[in-house]
Protein backbone atom coordinates (compact mmCIF):
# COMPACT_ATOMS: atom_id res chain seq x y z
CA MET A 1 -77.37 -37.89 -37.66
CA LYS A 2 -76.93 -38.60 -34.28
CA LYS A 3 -73.15 -39.88 -35.54
CA ILE A 4 -72.35 -36.81 -37.14
CA PHE A 5 -73.62 -34.51 -34.07
CA PHE A 6 -71.50 -36.87 -31.41
CA VAL A 7 -68.26 -36.81 -33.99
CA PHE A 8 -68.94 -32.62 -34.04
CA ILE A 9 -69.21 -32.37 -30.35
CA LEU A 10 -66.09 -34.39 -29.94
CA ILE A 11 -63.99 -32.18 -32.37
CA THR A 12 -65.21 -29.18 -30.81
CA ILE A 13 -63.88 -30.36 -27.30
CA PHE A 14 -60.74 -31.46 -29.16
CA MET A 15 -60.32 -27.87 -30.57
CA THR A 16 -60.97 -26.02 -27.69
CA GLN A 17 -58.39 -28.04 -25.84
CA VAL A 18 -55.85 -27.74 -28.07
CA GLN A 19 -56.35 -23.73 -28.13
CA ALA A 20 -56.60 -23.61 -24.42
CA GLN A 21 -53.11 -25.32 -24.39
CA ASN A 22 -51.53 -23.08 -27.14
CA ASN A 23 -52.81 -19.77 -24.78
CA ASP A 24 -51.15 -21.55 -21.89
CA ILE A 25 -48.02 -22.17 -24.03
CA GLN A 26 -47.95 -18.28 -24.98
CA LEU A 27 -48.41 -17.35 -21.30
CA ILE A 28 -45.81 -19.28 -20.37
CA GLU A 29 -43.28 -18.16 -22.75
CA LYS A 30 -44.46 -14.70 -21.74
CA THR A 31 -43.24 -15.26 -17.96
CA ILE A 32 -40.01 -16.95 -19.37
CA ASN A 33 -39.15 -13.81 -21.49
CA TYR A 34 -39.82 -11.84 -18.24
CA TYR A 35 -36.80 -14.29 -16.78
CA LEU A 36 -34.58 -13.91 -20.26
CA ASP A 37 -35.30 -10.18 -20.14
CA GLY A 38 -33.83 -9.74 -16.44
CA MET A 39 -30.90 -11.97 -16.91
CA THR A 40 -30.17 -10.37 -20.55
CA LYS A 41 -30.93 -6.80 -19.79
CA HIS A 42 -30.11 -6.73 -16.21
CA ASN A 43 -33.62 -5.77 -15.31
CA ALA A 44 -34.03 -7.05 -11.86
CA LYS A 45 -37.76 -5.92 -11.64
CA SER A 46 -38.63 -8.39 -14.53
CA PHE A 47 -37.79 -11.31 -12.18
CA GLU A 48 -40.84 -9.94 -10.03
CA LYS A 49 -42.74 -10.74 -13.00
CA ALA A 50 -41.41 -14.34 -13.77
CA PHE A 51 -41.36 -15.51 -10.60
CA HIS A 52 -43.52 -16.41 -7.75
CA PRO A 53 -42.13 -14.89 -4.45
CA ASN A 54 -41.42 -18.03 -2.80
CA ALA A 55 -39.74 -19.26 -5.83
CA THR A 56 -36.24 -21.29 -5.24
CA MET A 57 -33.44 -21.73 -7.25
CA LYS A 58 -30.79 -24.50 -7.18
CA TRP A 59 -27.54 -26.02 -8.35
CA ILE A 60 -24.69 -27.70 -7.52
CA ASP A 61 -21.24 -25.90 -6.58
CA LYS A 62 -19.13 -28.27 -4.87
CA LYS A 63 -22.66 -28.83 -2.61
CA TYR A 64 -26.18 -28.29 -3.06
CA GLU A 65 -27.07 -24.71 -2.75
CA GLU A 66 -30.80 -23.66 -2.67
CA VAL A 67 -31.85 -20.01 -2.50
CA ASN A 68 -34.60 -17.33 -2.98
CA ALA A 69 -34.65 -17.03 -6.97
CA ILE A 70 -35.67 -13.19 -6.95
CA GLU A 71 -33.36 -12.39 -4.54
CA ALA A 72 -30.37 -14.20 -5.95
CA LEU A 73 -31.17 -13.10 -9.05
CA SER A 74 -31.59 -9.55 -8.88
CA ALA A 75 -28.53 -9.60 -6.41
CA TYR A 76 -26.55 -10.82 -9.52
CA VAL A 77 -27.79 -8.73 -12.36
CA ASN A 78 -27.45 -5.72 -9.88
CA ALA A 79 -23.76 -6.57 -8.73
CA ASN A 80 -23.00 -7.28 -12.52
CA ASP A 81 -22.71 -5.37 -15.90
CA PRO A 82 -24.74 -7.19 -18.70
CA VAL A 83 -22.94 -9.33 -21.66
CA LYS A 84 -23.66 -10.36 -24.87
CA THR A 85 -26.10 -13.38 -24.11
CA LYS A 86 -27.82 -15.67 -26.74
CA THR A 87 -31.07 -17.18 -25.42
CA SER A 88 -33.24 -19.90 -26.36
CA ILE A 89 -36.65 -22.08 -25.04
CA MET A 90 -35.31 -25.30 -25.58
CA ALA A 91 -38.78 -27.36 -24.68
CA ILE A 92 -42.36 -26.70 -22.84
CA ASN A 93 -44.42 -29.35 -21.19
CA THR A 94 -47.74 -28.19 -19.67
CA ALA A 95 -49.82 -30.78 -17.91
CA GLY A 96 -53.13 -28.58 -16.50
CA ASP A 97 -51.95 -26.06 -14.03
CA ALA A 98 -48.35 -27.25 -13.97
CA ALA A 99 -45.16 -26.93 -16.54
CA ASN A 100 -41.71 -26.85 -16.94
CA ALA A 101 -39.41 -25.10 -19.17
CA GLN A 102 -35.78 -25.95 -20.07
CA LEU A 103 -33.77 -22.96 -21.66
CA GLU A 104 -30.26 -22.25 -22.94
CA LEU A 105 -28.65 -19.10 -21.68
CA GLU A 106 -25.12 -19.13 -24.07
CA TYR A 107 -22.29 -16.75 -23.39
CA ASP A 108 -18.94 -16.65 -24.47
CA THR A 109 -17.45 -19.79 -22.78
CA PHE A 110 -20.15 -21.43 -21.21
CA SER A 111 -24.12 -21.55 -21.01
CA TYR A 112 -26.40 -22.06 -18.31
CA ILE A 113 -28.86 -25.09 -18.86
CA ASP A 114 -32.00 -23.82 -16.90
CA PHE A 115 -35.05 -25.85 -16.04
CA MET A 116 -38.16 -23.84 -14.81
CA HIS A 117 -41.10 -25.24 -13.11
CA LEU A 118 -44.12 -23.13 -13.53
CA LEU A 119 -47.33 -23.41 -11.71
CA LYS A 120 -50.68 -21.38 -13.16
CA ILE A 121 -51.74 -19.39 -10.01
CA ASP A 122 -54.91 -17.22 -9.71
CA GLY A 123 -54.98 -17.58 -13.86
CA LYS A 124 -50.87 -16.22 -14.28
CA TRP A 125 -47.95 -18.54 -14.94
CA LYS A 126 -45.06 -18.33 -12.22
CA ILE A 127 -42.08 -19.86 -12.02
CA VAL A 128 -42.02 -21.38 -8.53
CA SER A 129 -38.51 -23.45 -9.10
CA LYS A 130 -35.28 -22.95 -11.06
CA THR A 131 -32.58 -25.48 -11.05
CA TYR A 132 -29.83 -25.22 -13.30
CA SER A 133 -26.24 -26.66 -14.58
CA THR A 134 -23.49 -24.61 -16.01
CA LYS A 135 -22.09 -26.02 -19.18
CA THR A 136 -18.28 -25.31 -20.67
CA LYS A 137 -17.67 -24.79 -24.00
CA SER A 138 -15.12 -26.65 -25.70
CA ASN A 139 -12.19 -24.88 -27.75
CA LYS A 140 -13.19 -26.56 -30.94
CA GLU A 141 -16.49 -24.90 -31.13
C-alpha cells in the first residue's frame, strides 16, 4: 500500500510540473504573439507588451549593432507600411524562469530569423533580448 501511495505522489508531482510547463509555454507564446502583432500589423504598442523596457536587440550588419528593442522596432514600424508576412514559432525551450524561442518572419525576398530570450519577471514572461539574422531567399524557391 505504501508503494502505491508513493507512486501516486510521484505521478501527481510529475503531472503538476508538466501542467505548469505547458502553462508557461502558452504564456510565452502570448508574449511572442504581441511581438509578431507589432511586426505584422505595425502596431508599436504591442512591443511594450512583449518586451521588458530595457530589452536589447542585437544583429550584425557589417559590424555588431545593439539598440533598445522597443525604441528601434517602434521606429521601424512607424516609418514603414505593413507588408505581407508569414510568421512561425519554430521552437520554445524553458528552464525555470528562463526561456528562449526561435521565430521566422518570412517576406517575399527574405526572412528574419529571430532568437528571443525571455525571463519570467514578476509572474509575466517578457522578452529581454532579441538577436536576429536575415536569410535571403534563393531564386529557385
